[in-house]
Amino acid sequence: MPRFALVLALLACSACASTSATKSDAPPAATEEAPAEAAPAEEAAPAAEAPPAPTAKNFNLADVPFAPFNPEQPEGIHVYPITGSPSAGAFTAIVRLPPGYRTPLHQHTASYTGIAVSEGMMHGFTADATGALPRLSHWVQPAGEAHVDACESEEPCHFLVFFDGAVDMIPSDAAAAEPAAKVTRGDEIEWVEVKAGVQMAVIQGNPKEGAFHALFQFPAGMTTNVHTHSATFVGGLLSGTHQRGPGPDQLVTLTDGAVWSEPAGSPHMEKCGAESACIFAGAMDGALDTAAVELTAAPE
């Protein structure tokens, strides 16, 4: 056996003997079992925070935060989306055209409703179309049909748009042979009374069944109670002085060109100025429910 292996063997035997002697000479030591450590309590995962509920908002025209439609052309069309996103899908917006501005003949892949907020707006169907429309004029523009918009005024022109999809501007080489767009002049509107002197002119849709666009006219001095609607309401004031808010002590005075949005279920009330009737454009994404609306005429 090699010397190194022999040494290891002798050391092993010596260790065995020493261990054996130790075990026989001393009583076995009692062993204490370490107390089991309690498993750390699992922390409850924080509850997911619900996204903040949309809130009502309103702006008078001078306070609307317009931005260029095309950032590379800041002197051109300006837009403020009231609801939705113009680049993502259906949306509502107020649009401003500079004095004398004219778009080229173009079309969109989405249809839309337009309403003239100010005088001087022109909506036509040929590259050289002219003819300013009075305030309150409106049009329903089908997708894929050539048209042109212009501001035939020395002041900026404003109009509301209700698009049923994302917006684009596709150049058109030629006008439609038979335009299907429907244009109604502001001085040819057919009003229908709906409740206690309030009149409405439906532009598109059916207020009794679902989403719609319409014009509303409140008599001077008329006030509503605090109420809600089951659909989101987007509006723009076309004429008169109008007050809106969640209660009598929280009314905001709005003037021509003001815009607002009220999410479904938002408590609010309305009051028309005493000087003249209030006319505003409105759109709802569902049927108009008026059962909870109480109207009070102006004191005589």
Protein backbone atom coordinates (compact mmCIF):
# COMPACT_ATOMS: atom_id res chain seq x y z
CA MET A 1 0.00 0.00 0.00
CA PRO A 2 1.46 3.37 -0.80
CA ARG A 3 2.65 5.34 2.22
CA PHE A 4 0.15 8.19 1.69
CA ALA A 5 -2.87 5.85 1.61
CA LEU A 6 -1.61 4.05 4.71
CA VAL A 7 -1.38 7.30 6.67
CA LEU A 8 -4.93 8.20 5.73
CA ALA A 9 -6.22 4.83 6.85
CA LEU A 10 -4.48 5.11 10.24
CA LEU A 11 -5.92 8.59 10.79
CA ALA A 12 -9.38 7.36 9.97
CA CYS A 13 -9.17 4.51 12.45
CA SER A 14 -7.89 6.83 15.16
CA ALA A 15 -10.80 9.20 14.59
CA CYS A 16 -13.28 6.31 14.74
CA ALA A 17 -11.87 5.14 18.07
CA SER A 18 -11.91 8.60 19.56
CA THR A 19 -15.50 9.12 18.51
CA SER A 20 -16.55 5.76 19.92
CA ALA A 21 -14.92 6.49 23.26
CA THR A 22 -16.54 9.85 23.49
CA LYS A 23 -19.98 8.40 22.84
CA SER A 24 -19.59 5.72 25.47
CA ASP A 25 -18.12 7.98 28.20
CA ALA A 26 -20.60 10.86 27.99
CA PRO A 27 -24.35 10.68 28.11
CA PRO A 28 -26.06 11.78 24.98
CA ALA A 29 -26.79 15.50 24.98
CA ALA A 30 -30.35 16.50 24.65
CA THR A 31 -30.94 18.39 21.44
CA GLU A 32 -33.22 21.38 21.33
CA GLU A 33 -35.21 21.78 18.23
CA ALA A 34 -35.18 25.36 16.96
CA PRO A 35 -38.67 26.78 16.88
CA ALA A 36 -40.04 26.89 13.37
CA GLU A 37 -40.10 30.39 12.03
CA ALA A 38 -43.51 31.60 11.05
CA ALA A 39 -43.83 32.22 7.33
CA PRO A 40 -43.97 35.91 6.61
CA ALA A 41 -47.51 37.09 6.01
CA GLU A 42 -48.21 37.78 2.40
CA GLU A 43 -49.04 41.40 1.75
CA ALA A 44 -52.32 41.87 -0.04
CA ALA A 45 -51.88 43.19 -3.53
CA PRO A 46 -53.05 46.79 -3.78
CA ALA A 47 -56.44 47.09 -5.37
CA ALA A 48 -56.32 48.26 -8.94
CA GLU A 49 -57.30 51.90 -9.17
CA ALA A 50 -60.25 52.57 -11.37
CA PRO A 51 -59.61 55.15 -14.08
CA PRO A 52 -60.97 58.56 -13.13
CA ALA A 53 -64.52 59.11 -14.32
CA PRO A 54 -64.84 61.68 -17.09
CA THR A 55 -66.03 65.04 -15.88
CA ALA A 56 -68.12 67.73 -17.48
CA LYS A 57 -66.19 70.53 -19.15
CA ASN A 58 -67.05 73.74 -20.93
CA PHE A 59 -65.17 76.54 -22.65
CA ASN A 60 -66.18 79.91 -23.98
CA LEU A 61 -64.81 80.42 -27.48
CA ALA A 62 -62.00 82.74 -26.35
CA ASP A 63 -60.77 80.04 -23.95
CA VAL A 64 -60.88 77.04 -26.29
CA PRO A 65 -57.35 75.49 -26.41
CA PHE A 66 -57.06 75.19 -30.19
CA ALA A 67 -54.04 73.45 -31.75
CA PRO A 68 -52.91 73.25 -35.40
CA PHE A 69 -54.49 70.38 -37.31
CA ASN A 70 -51.16 70.02 -39.10
CA PRO A 71 -48.24 71.08 -36.86
CA GLU A 72 -46.21 71.84 -39.98
CA GLN A 73 -48.83 74.40 -41.06
CA PRO A 74 -49.56 76.41 -37.89
CA GLU A 75 -51.13 79.21 -39.92
CA GLY A 76 -53.84 76.86 -41.27
CA ILE A 77 -56.69 74.86 -39.74
CA HIS A 78 -56.92 74.71 -35.93
CA VAL A 79 -58.88 72.08 -34.01
CA TYR A 80 -59.97 71.34 -30.47
CA PRO A 81 -61.33 67.80 -29.86
CA ILE A 82 -64.25 68.04 -27.43
CA THR A 83 -64.59 64.28 -27.14
CA GLY A 84 -62.65 61.41 -28.69
CA SER A 85 -59.40 61.49 -30.65
CA PRO A 86 -59.27 62.59 -34.32
CA SER A 87 -56.42 60.16 -35.01
CA ALA A 88 -57.99 57.13 -33.31
CA GLY A 89 -61.70 57.00 -34.10
CA ALA A 90 -65.03 58.78 -33.76
CA PHE A 91 -64.76 62.26 -32.27
CA THR A 92 -66.40 65.65 -31.89
CA ALA A 93 -64.45 68.89 -32.35
CA ILE A 94 -64.68 72.60 -32.98
CA VAL A 95 -62.67 73.77 -35.98
CA ARG A 96 -61.29 77.23 -36.76
CA LEU A 97 -60.41 78.44 -40.26
CA PRO A 98 -58.39 81.65 -40.76
CA PRO A 99 -60.07 84.49 -42.69
CA GLY A 100 -59.95 83.77 -46.42
CA TYR A 101 -58.71 80.20 -45.92
CA ARG A 102 -59.75 77.59 -48.46
CA THR A 103 -59.12 73.86 -48.45
CA PRO A 104 -58.31 71.99 -51.64
CA LEU A 105 -60.92 69.60 -53.02
CA HIS A 106 -60.69 66.57 -50.74
CA GLN A 107 -62.55 63.68 -49.16
CA HIS A 108 -62.53 61.65 -45.93
CA THR A 109 -62.77 57.94 -45.23
CA ALA A 110 -65.31 58.71 -42.47
CA SER A 111 -68.59 60.55 -42.79
CA TYR A 112 -69.33 63.57 -40.63
CA THR A 113 -71.86 66.23 -39.71
CA GLY A 114 -70.77 69.88 -39.79
CA ILE A 115 -72.53 72.88 -38.18
CA ALA A 116 -71.61 76.53 -38.82
CA VAL A 117 -70.95 78.27 -35.52
CA SER A 118 -70.14 81.63 -37.13
CA GLU A 119 -71.05 83.55 -40.25
CA GLY A 120 -68.99 83.21 -43.43
CA MET A 121 -68.52 79.43 -43.51
CA MET A 122 -68.70 77.79 -46.95
CA HIS A 123 -69.14 74.08 -47.72
CA GLY A 124 -69.22 73.18 -51.41
CA PHE A 125 -68.58 70.34 -53.84
CA THR A 126 -66.39 71.77 -56.59
CA ALA A 127 -62.91 73.26 -56.42
CA ASP A 128 -64.24 76.73 -57.26
CA ALA A 129 -67.44 76.61 -55.15
CA THR A 130 -68.39 79.83 -53.35
CA GLY A 131 -71.27 81.09 -51.25
CA ALA A 132 -71.05 81.79 -47.53
CA LEU A 133 -73.63 80.07 -45.35
CA PRO A 134 -75.41 81.76 -42.44
CA ARG A 135 -74.80 80.65 -38.88
CA LEU A 136 -76.73 77.48 -37.88
CA SER A 137 -76.29 76.03 -41.38
CA HIS A 138 -75.36 72.36 -41.29
CA TRP A 139 -74.41 69.54 -43.60
CA VAL A 140 -74.10 65.76 -43.54
CA GLN A 141 -71.05 64.79 -45.58
CA PRO A 142 -70.82 61.15 -46.73
CA ALA A 143 -67.46 59.39 -46.65
CA GLY A 144 -65.50 59.27 -49.89
CA GLU A 145 -67.22 62.27 -51.50
CA ALA A 146 -65.22 65.28 -52.71
CA HIS A 147 -65.90 68.64 -51.09
CA VAL A 148 -64.25 71.91 -50.16
CA ASP A 149 -64.50 74.16 -47.09
CA ALA A 150 -63.67 77.85 -46.92
CA CYS A 151 -63.93 80.89 -44.67
CA GLU A 152 -65.43 83.72 -46.71
CA SER A 153 -65.09 86.27 -43.94
CA GLU A 154 -62.69 88.85 -42.58
CA GLU A 155 -62.94 87.11 -39.22
CA PRO A 156 -62.03 83.48 -38.40
CA CYS A 157 -64.76 80.97 -39.15
CA HIS A 158 -65.75 78.28 -36.64
CA PHE A 159 -67.75 75.12 -37.16
CA LEU A 160 -68.50 71.95 -35.21
CA VAL A 161 -67.77 68.51 -36.63
CA PHE A 162 -69.10 65.13 -35.52
CA PHE A 163 -66.99 62.43 -37.23
CA ASP A 164 -67.94 58.76 -37.10
CA GLY A 165 -64.29 57.69 -37.53
CA ALA A 166 -60.73 58.98 -37.54
CA VAL A 167 -60.09 62.00 -39.73
CA ASP A 168 -57.90 62.18 -42.82
CA MET A 169 -57.74 64.50 -45.83
CA ILE A 170 -57.43 62.69 -49.15
CA PRO A 171 -56.95 64.94 -52.21
CA SER A 172 -59.68 64.56 -54.83
CA ASP A 173 -59.02 64.95 -58.55
CA ALA A 174 -62.62 65.61 -59.52
CA ALA A 175 -65.93 66.60 -58.01
CA ALA A 176 -68.69 64.07 -57.47
CA ALA A 177 -71.06 63.90 -60.45
CA GLU A 178 -74.08 63.93 -58.12
CA PRO A 179 -73.10 64.90 -54.57
CA ALA A 180 -75.05 63.00 -51.94
CA ALA A 181 -74.21 65.45 -49.15
CA LYS A 182 -77.15 67.25 -47.62
CA VAL A 183 -76.78 70.96 -46.79
CA THR A 184 -79.40 72.92 -44.83
CA ARG A 185 -79.11 76.69 -44.61
CA GLY A 186 -79.45 78.29 -41.21
CA ASP A 187 -82.34 80.46 -42.41
CA GLU A 188 -84.31 77.44 -43.68
CA ILE A 189 -84.43 75.30 -40.53
CA GLU A 190 -87.71 73.55 -39.73
CA TRP A 191 -88.18 73.61 -35.96
CA VAL A 192 -90.43 71.19 -34.09
CA GLU A 193 -91.61 71.80 -30.50
CA VAL A 194 -90.68 68.92 -28.23
CA LYS A 195 -91.57 70.08 -24.71
CA ALA A 196 -92.88 73.26 -23.05
CA GLY A 197 -91.67 75.63 -25.74
CA VAL A 198 -88.31 73.92 -26.39
CA GLN A 199 -87.82 73.31 -30.10
CA MET A 200 -85.56 70.89 -31.91
CA ALA A 201 -84.38 70.33 -35.49
CA VAL A 202 -82.91 66.87 -35.99
CA ILE A 203 -79.93 66.78 -38.34
CA GLN A 204 -79.13 63.07 -38.27
CA GLY A 205 -80.31 60.04 -36.31
CA ASN A 206 -83.41 59.50 -34.21
CA PRO A 207 -83.44 60.96 -30.66
CA LYS A 208 -86.08 58.41 -29.58
CA GLU A 209 -84.01 55.41 -30.62
CA GLY A 210 -80.30 56.16 -30.33
CA ALA A 211 -77.40 58.46 -31.18
CA PHE A 212 -78.28 61.69 -32.97
CA HIS A 213 -77.20 65.24 -33.89
CA ALA A 214 -79.65 68.13 -33.58
CA LEU A 215 -80.21 71.83 -32.98
CA PHE A 216 -82.08 72.96 -29.87
CA GLN A 217 -83.82 76.25 -29.17
CA PHE A 218 -84.77 77.35 -25.63
CA PRO A 219 -87.10 80.31 -25.07
CA ALA A 220 -85.51 83.34 -23.39
CA GLY A 221 -85.38 82.98 -19.62
CA MET A 222 -86.29 79.28 -19.51
CA THR A 223 -84.69 77.22 -16.72
CA THR A 224 -84.48 73.46 -16.17
CA ASN A 225 -84.24 71.52 -12.94
CA VAL A 226 -81.10 69.56 -12.05
CA HIS A 227 -81.30 66.35 -14.09
CA THR A 228 -79.22 63.70 -15.83
CA HIS A 229 -79.21 61.91 -19.17
CA SER A 230 -78.31 58.30 -19.84
CA ALA A 231 -76.15 59.34 -22.81
CA THR A 232 -73.14 61.62 -23.12
CA PHE A 233 -74.09 65.09 -24.33
CA VAL A 234 -71.79 67.31 -26.41
CA GLY A 235 -72.89 70.80 -27.35
CA GLY A 236 -71.95 74.11 -28.88
CA LEU A 237 -73.74 77.43 -28.38
CA LEU A 238 -74.73 79.11 -31.63
CA SER A 239 -76.75 82.07 -30.39
CA GLY A 240 -77.75 83.75 -27.13
CA THR A 241 -76.47 83.56 -23.56
CA HIS A 242 -76.66 80.17 -21.90
CA GLN A 243 -75.82 78.98 -18.40
CA ARG A 244 -74.94 75.41 -17.45
CA GLY A 245 -73.74 73.75 -14.28
CA PRO A 246 -74.37 71.03 -11.69
CA GLY A 247 -76.59 73.30 -9.58
CA PRO A 248 -78.07 76.79 -9.25
CA ASP A 249 -75.00 78.08 -7.41
CA GLN A 250 -72.54 76.58 -9.89
CA LEU A 251 -73.77 77.92 -13.21
CA VAL A 252 -71.22 79.01 -15.82
CA THR A 253 -72.26 81.69 -18.31
CA LEU A 254 -71.57 80.70 -21.91
CA THR A 255 -71.71 82.91 -24.99
CA ASP A 256 -71.67 82.40 -28.77
CA GLY A 257 -69.19 79.71 -29.81
CA ALA A 258 -68.89 78.06 -26.38
CA VAL A 259 -68.58 74.25 -26.31
CA TRP A 260 -69.19 71.65 -23.61
CA SER A 261 -69.37 67.93 -22.89
CA GLU A 262 -71.30 66.18 -20.14
CA PRO A 263 -70.69 62.46 -19.51
CA ALA A 264 -73.72 60.22 -19.13
CA GLY A 265 -75.21 60.50 -15.66
CA SER A 266 -73.75 63.95 -14.94
CA PRO A 267 -76.17 66.08 -12.90
CA HIS A 268 -76.66 69.47 -14.55
CA MET A 269 -79.14 72.24 -15.15
CA GLU A 270 -79.55 74.86 -17.85
CA LYS A 271 -80.72 78.44 -17.94
CA CYS A 272 -81.27 80.64 -20.97
CA GLY A 273 -80.52 84.34 -20.79
CA ALA A 274 -83.50 86.70 -20.54
CA GLU A 275 -82.50 88.77 -23.57
CA SER A 276 -83.08 86.25 -26.38
CA ALA A 277 -83.65 82.61 -27.18
CA CYS A 278 -80.70 80.21 -26.81
CA ILE A 279 -79.82 78.09 -29.81
CA PHE A 280 -77.25 75.35 -29.52
CA ALA A 281 -76.10 72.27 -31.37
CA GLY A 282 -76.11 68.99 -29.50
CA ALA A 283 -75.08 65.40 -30.03
CA MET A 284 -75.79 62.37 -27.87
CA ASP A 285 -74.35 58.88 -28.15
CA GLY A 286 -77.71 57.40 -27.15
CA ALA A 287 -81.40 58.20 -27.07
CA LEU A 288 -82.61 61.44 -25.51
CA ASP A 289 -84.46 60.84 -22.25
CA THR A 290 -86.38 63.85 -20.98
CA ALA A 291 -88.71 62.26 -18.42
CA ALA A 292 -86.71 63.75 -15.53
CA VAL A 293 -86.40 67.20 -17.12
CA GLU A 294 -88.63 69.91 -15.68
CA LEU A 295 -88.87 73.23 -17.53
CA THR A 296 -89.73 76.55 -15.94
CA ALA A 297 -90.66 79.45 -18.20
CA ALA A 298 -89.30 82.94 -17.60
CA PRO A 299 -91.34 84.96 -15.11
CA GLU A 300 -93.75 87.33 -16.83
